[in-house]
Amino acid sequence: MGDDEVTVVHLWGLDAGAAGPDDLLDAERDACADAVHAVRALVGAAVPARLWLVTRGAVALDGEVPGVSGSTLWGLGRSVRQEHSGIWGGLLDLDPAATPDTAAGALLDEIGRGPGEDQVALRDGQRHLARLVRAEGVEPAGAAGFDWRPDGTYLITGGLGGLGLAVARSAVVAGARRLVLLGRTPLPPRGRWAELSDDPRVAAVRELESLGAAVHLESLDIADAGRVREFLDRHEREGRPPIRGVVHAAGVGDVVPLPELTAEVLDWHLRPKALGAWVLHRCLGERDLDFFVLFSSTSAVLGSPFFSAYAAANAFLDALAHLRRAHGRPAVSVNWGIWRDTGLAAREAEATPGLSRGMGTLTPAQALRAFHRLPAHDVAQLAVIPVDWEEWGRRYQQVSGSVLLAELVDAPAGEPRPVARRARVLPTRDELAALPTAERAPLLTARLALSLAATLGSRTPPDPDQPLFDLGVDSLMAVELKNEIEGALGVSLPISAFLDGATARDLVDRITGHLADSGGDRPDDGPIRRVERVEDAAARLLAELARMPDDPGSTNPDTNDSGTNGPVRNRPGTSGPGSGIRGPDGPGSANGGPDGPGSGTRGANVPGSRNGGSTSPGPDVPGTNGTGPTAATAAPTGERS
């Protein structure tokens, strides 16, 4: 880290580890809300700062029993990198077996390494680094799919949603004869169905029944443990065939810029997906299940601007799958790519700039083919993504600076190749300040147009008044522009500034306005301004972090009119010039609760493995450039330090 840079270490995830099973999701929500508050403070800070999110035992390695606590922070953190790369430090998982002194020393050593690896797990003095890997081997010819027993019942949550109904139909075609479609919104009584011929849900249920299935519709909140237990008890009392398989496809998601997340919004995302999965896991207990499939998202692994809460909820599913397998129970979490015209992933694609070059979509038929082949892959976590890694993956790597995809897009040994950086086009802050005021915006507009042309691969600078989306700017390009502006001018624009019809001229207005507010647009003649010492700026930053409310349900008294400051607690850990490390219980606090990706012990969100976890081949689904979707397990890579 630089001498004039503050490093903020968020230790709330350690406190979440002490939560009991009934309070686990509340603790996860509070840890994420606290991290969001830290992001807000750092984005507006006058001094350069880096944020590290720290957990303990959330990343599982072979030979360990995983814990789920902190898994949501790993999903949230990957989206922080996408939306606010300028303040990003990394994700660090401490050794659960280390003493507090040892863990604290290892933490300081890791964050002192500077830029490079930003997803690290520490165990026994060894660093384990995150890598997403291509599935190994070839799927066995004629490999069996799910065994849909005619005398078994199959429970599908989110059963009346797009994904749930698609899975239900494919299950019936494959041999399932008894389904429970569980959802929160009930259908009208069957006596009224004749009036609802245009309701696609009614039509879908009738089709399932015409195919020979008995369909039971159950309306309840999957996050309500009492209601779920009551349903399961009633199911048994009525002598219905036992539940043999579960597909958890319930979930909600919405476009929310990260600084605008509140505890309430986090709770809304976590309840149906994360808490719902946790309730099913606990309520089904030791029942003899053939499978337990969790529908997760690639956002939990790769991050996604505006969907950080959704990514956090999905990361919990990944962790839960590894926890269950470590205890000998069936489970697989699928990090789905975008299902075309179906589900929340499609909504995510519509809410952000068009699909990045090299990233494709899955037709429902392709995705369902992959779904039915899951039993052939004896793993806890798979990512099914129709992507050209050479094109999309390399751009992701260049834009984000992450080495997560090094083994997919780099040399066979997995060593990151040197990234070719294009020549700087934008002026620096000092270059702008040296110009007369009237000349600054025109110069910046012209240079930004040149930068856009380079990003788009065009020889002609675009019209600065044409919306970026219409020019063909996608989400990765938006991040690339954001990073270039930040690097050249020291101005951190939210990723939302590049959307909603924004033009190059709009960006120039925001940049010059920021420079004026921060003193960068100083007059040609005037008094010399006092430059704030980094120690003073750091002290103000720490004071801002210390003002976080203790009640996660309350709002920050300093909330502005836009309501962007949400409820969080006063427990960040910080380290910077002249400061120590502080946090709830220090790095050695007790860690409780289940969850995490990898097999044997799976780390919630650290994908890819050389030394742990099995991998399996991608399903035979057409993909971009003939590559097909990649199916990859999530498990950590080790490197001795």
Foldseek 3Di string as FASTA:
>chain_A
DDQLEFEFEFDLLAVLQVDDLVCNVVSQLQSLLLVLLLLVLQQPFPTQAAYEYEHEQQFWFFPDQGFPRPLLVLLLLLQCLQFFVRRHQAYEYEYLPDALVVRQVVVVVVSVPDDDARYWYDYPQWIWGFAFAFFDDAQDVPDAFDDQDQLAEEEEEVCLFQLNLLLLQVSLVVPHAEYEYEYADDDPPPVCVVVVPVPVSSVSVVVSVVSRHDYHYHHDFLLPLVVVLVVQVVCVVVPGRYHAEYEQPDFDFDQAASLQDASVNLCRGQRSQQSSLSSCPVSCDPPNYPAYEHEAACSLFNNAGRGSSSNSNRLSLQFVLQNQQLVVHHAAYEHEAAAPPGDDNNVSCVVFFHDDPFFDHHHSVLVSLQNRCVVSWPFRYKYWTQGDCQPPVLLSCVLSVHLRHQCPHHDVVSDRDDDDDDDQQAAALVVLQVDALVVNLVSRLVSLQVVLCVLLVHPDRDDQQFQPSVVPQGSSSLSNSQVSCCVRYVNHDGSCCNDDRHGSSSVSVVSVVVCVVSVSNPHPDDDDDDDDRSVVSVVVSLVSLQQADQDSQDFRPPQDPVSSGYHHRRFIFTDGVPDDTGGDPGPNRNGHRGTAFFHSYRNSHRADEDNGHHGRHHDPGQHPPRPGTGITGGHIYIDND
